[in-house]
Amino acid sequence: MRVSRTTSAALVVATAMPWAVLMVVGGIWLLTRGTAAVIALTLREPGSMLGVVQVGGVFWLAAGQLLFMSLVADRLFPRASRRLVAPFEIVTTVVLFSCVAWLVVLMVQALMGQGG
């Protein structure tokens, strides 16, 4: 059974769109409501993970945007100018990898703080 190119693109868009939306909504939730939950937890337990939650929110937001740009927008608009699209994808990728590096630093700091 051979699947046509249009059907294949439609399936990719149909599966990637909800995935990207969930990632972006999760990131926004972490940045807004998740931060409030961590602040409430901080009142009970000092040394909370507020920075990790905020960086995690930015990470999920950037990951959802990159997923949408790569899998959905590129399929729906295949003739989009690379000169226009590439800077947005590069900036989003840099933000994504910066968040990963920042999370690693925060985790190392947390482990060093617990060990010492």
Foldseek 3Di string as FASTA:
>chain_A
DDDDPVRVLVVLQVVLVVVLVVLQVQLVCLQPVVLVVQVVVCVVPPDTDNVLSNLSSQLSNLVSVLSCLPRPVCSVCVPDDCVVSVVVNVVSVVSNVVSVVVNVVVVVVVVVVVVD
